[in-house]
Amino acid sequence: MGTLAAVLAGKKIRTFQDRYRADVTGDIEDAEGVLKITRINVRYQLKLPEEQREDARQALDSYLHLCPAAQSVIGCIEINHELDMEDLPE
């Protein structure tokens, strides 16, 4: 969450606690008798003005190469992520 929040901040998109959250799940499979995390699924929720949606999409598309946690497991664990956007109430 932190790396995406930093990229969003660079685009002037605020990520206050009441506007930004993530639900994370994972899949664990038996790999030759050893339990192994094979997949991490991250669903971000972000409330923002409609005019910032394209910037938010670009941030989602670009943050993984900057994320230390993701870079530590890419190649070993599949990472899926998506961003649900909601209009910020005025």
C-alpha atoms as a PDB file:
ATOM      1  CA  MET A   1       0.000   0.000   0.000  1.00  0.00           C
ATOM      2  CA  GLY A   2       2.783   2.380   0.849  1.00  0.00           C
ATOM      3  CA  THR A   3       4.515   2.327  -2.524  1.00  0.00           C
ATOM      4  CA  LEU A   4       1.272   2.834  -4.435  1.00  0.00           C
ATOM      5  CA  ALA A   5       0.355   5.639  -2.016  1.00  0.00           C
ATOM      6  CA  ALA A   6       3.700   7.323  -2.742  1.00  0.00           C
ATOM      7  CA  VAL A   7       3.133   7.108  -6.503  1.00  0.00           C
ATOM      8  CA  LEU A   8      -0.405   8.451  -6.066  1.00  0.00           C
ATOM      9  CA  ALA A   9       0.947  11.318  -3.939  1.00  0.00           C
ATOM     10  CA  GLY A  10       3.324  12.184  -6.760  1.00  0.00           C
ATOM     11  CA  LYS A  11       0.222  12.620  -8.917  1.00  0.00           C
ATOM     12  CA  LYS A  12      -1.424  14.802  -6.239  1.00  0.00           C
ATOM     13  CA  ILE A  13      -3.937  12.077  -5.295  1.00  0.00           C
ATOM     14  CA  ARG A  14      -4.582  11.959  -1.573  1.00  0.00           C
ATOM     15  CA  THR A  15      -4.619   8.629   0.254  1.00  0.00           C
ATOM     16  CA  PHE A  16      -6.052   9.489   3.631  1.00  0.00           C
ATOM     17  CA  GLN A  17      -7.340   6.569   5.695  1.00  0.00           C
ATOM     18  CA  ASP A  18     -10.974   7.306   4.836  1.00  0.00           C
ATOM     19  CA  ARG A  19     -10.172   7.335   1.087  1.00  0.00           C
ATOM     20  CA  TYR A  20      -7.710   4.499   0.564  1.00  0.00           C
ATOM     21  CA  ARG A  21      -7.566   0.859   1.623  1.00  0.00           C
ATOM     22  CA  ALA A  22      -6.583  -2.574   0.389  1.00  0.00           C
ATOM     23  CA  ASP A  23      -7.983  -6.050   0.828  1.00  0.00           C
ATOM     24  CA  VAL A  24      -5.311  -8.701   0.442  1.00  0.00           C
ATOM     25  CA  THR A  25      -5.830 -12.427   0.038  1.00  0.00           C
ATOM     26  CA  GLY A  26      -3.525 -15.223  -0.942  1.00  0.00           C
ATOM     27  CA  ASP A  27      -3.573 -18.740  -2.244  1.00  0.00           C
ATOM     28  CA  ILE A  28      -1.621 -21.491  -0.550  1.00  0.00           C
ATOM     29  CA  GLU A  29      -1.014 -24.748  -2.398  1.00  0.00           C
ATOM     30  CA  ASP A  30       0.655 -28.048  -1.669  1.00  0.00           C
ATOM     31  CA  ALA A  31       3.939 -28.167  -3.553  1.00  0.00           C
ATOM     32  CA  GLU A  32       5.367 -31.661  -3.147  1.00  0.00           C
ATOM     33  CA  GLY A  33       4.185 -31.938   0.440  1.00  0.00           C
ATOM     34  CA  VAL A  34       5.147 -28.397   1.440  1.00  0.00           C
ATOM     35  CA  LEU A  35       2.616 -25.602   1.735  1.00  0.00           C
ATOM     36  CA  LYS A  36       3.616 -22.706  -0.499  1.00  0.00           C
ATOM     37  CA  ILE A  37       2.129 -19.253  -1.085  1.00  0.00           C
ATOM     38  CA  THR A  38       1.535 -19.203  -4.828  1.00  0.00           C
ATOM     39  CA  ARG A  39      -0.602 -16.120  -5.349  1.00  0.00           C
ATOM     40  CA  ILE A  40      -1.236 -12.771  -3.681  1.00  0.00           C
ATOM     41  CA  ASN A  41      -4.354 -10.834  -4.688  1.00  0.00           C
ATOM     42  CA  VAL A  42      -4.612  -7.154  -3.791  1.00  0.00           C
ATOM     43  CA  ARG A  43      -7.798  -5.158  -4.328  1.00  0.00           C
ATOM     44  CA  TYR A  44      -7.277  -1.456  -3.675  1.00  0.00           C
ATOM     45  CA  GLN A  45     -10.200   0.873  -3.020  1.00  0.00           C
ATOM     46  CA  LEU A  46      -9.715   4.572  -3.608  1.00  0.00           C
ATOM     47  CA  LYS A  47     -12.089   7.517  -3.347  1.00  0.00           C
ATOM     48  CA  LEU A  48     -11.047  10.383  -5.579  1.00  0.00           C
ATOM     49  CA  PRO A  49     -12.358  13.084  -7.904  1.00  0.00           C
ATOM     50  CA  GLU A  50     -13.369  11.706 -11.302  1.00  0.00           C
ATOM     51  CA  GLU A  51     -10.790  13.835 -13.093  1.00  0.00           C
ATOM     52  CA  GLN A  52      -7.963  11.984 -11.286  1.00  0.00           C
ATOM     53  CA  ARG A  53      -9.005   8.479 -12.338  1.00  0.00           C
ATOM     54  CA  GLU A  54      -6.624   8.211 -15.288  1.00  0.00           C
ATOM     55  CA  ASP A  55      -3.697   9.284 -13.099  1.00  0.00           C
ATOM     56  CA  ALA A  56      -4.705   6.617 -10.559  1.00  0.00           C
ATOM     57  CA  ARG A  57      -4.795   3.951 -13.297  1.00  0.00           C
ATOM     58  CA  GLN A  58      -1.329   4.987 -14.423  1.00  0.00           C
ATOM     59  CA  ALA A  59      -0.067   4.785 -10.833  1.00  0.00           C
ATOM     60  CA  LEU A  60      -1.418   1.233 -10.489  1.00  0.00           C
ATOM     61  CA  ASP A  61       0.259   0.236 -13.740  1.00  0.00           C
ATOM     62  CA  SER A  62       3.648   1.575 -12.656  1.00  0.00           C
ATOM     63  CA  TYR A  63       4.158   1.107  -8.908  1.00  0.00           C
ATOM     64  CA  LEU A  64       5.138  -2.583  -8.725  1.00  0.00           C
ATOM     65  CA  HIS A  65       8.656  -2.055 -10.065  1.00  0.00           C
ATOM     66  CA  LEU A  66       9.239   0.393  -7.180  1.00  0.00           C
ATOM     67  CA  CYS A  67       7.766  -1.821  -4.431  1.00  0.00           C
ATOM     68  CA  PRO A  68      10.399  -3.604  -2.303  1.00  0.00           C
ATOM     69  CA  ALA A  69       7.960  -6.300  -1.146  1.00  0.00           C
ATOM     70  CA  ALA A  70       6.753  -7.064  -4.663  1.00  0.00           C
ATOM     71  CA  GLN A  71      10.274  -7.070  -6.065  1.00  0.00           C
ATOM     72  CA  SER A  72      11.307  -9.544  -3.359  1.00  0.00           C
ATOM     73  CA  VAL A  73       8.763 -12.169  -4.449  1.00  0.00           C
ATOM     74  CA  ILE A  74       8.137 -11.566  -8.165  1.00  0.00           C
ATOM     75  CA  GLY A  75       9.146 -14.717  -9.976  1.00  0.00           C
ATOM     76  CA  CYS A  76       8.206 -16.872  -6.986  1.00  0.00           C
ATOM     77  CA  ILE A  77       4.697 -15.688  -6.170  1.00  0.00           C
ATOM     78  CA  GLU A  78       2.128 -14.427  -8.656  1.00  0.00           C
ATOM     79  CA  ILE A  79       0.858 -10.950  -7.769  1.00  0.00           C
ATOM     80  CA  ASN A  80      -2.563  -9.801  -8.968  1.00  0.00           C
ATOM     81  CA  HIS A  81      -3.784  -6.298  -8.242  1.00  0.00           C
ATOM     82  CA  GLU A  82      -6.746  -4.162  -9.166  1.00  0.00           C
ATOM     83  CA  LEU A  83      -8.074  -0.753  -8.284  1.00  0.00           C
ATOM     84  CA  ASP A  84     -11.714  -0.003  -7.543  1.00  0.00           C
ATOM     85  CA  MET A  85     -12.396   3.713  -7.741  1.00  0.00           C
ATOM     86  CA  GLU A  86     -15.295   5.570  -6.183  1.00  0.00           C
ATOM     87  CA  ASP A  87     -16.256   9.200  -6.628  1.00  0.00           C
ATOM     88  CA  LEU A  88     -15.202  11.347  -3.710  1.00  0.00           C
ATOM     89  CA  PRO A  89     -18.278  12.894  -2.068  1.00  0.00           C
ATOM     90  CA  GLU A  90     -18.268  16.659  -2.265  1.00  0.00           C
END
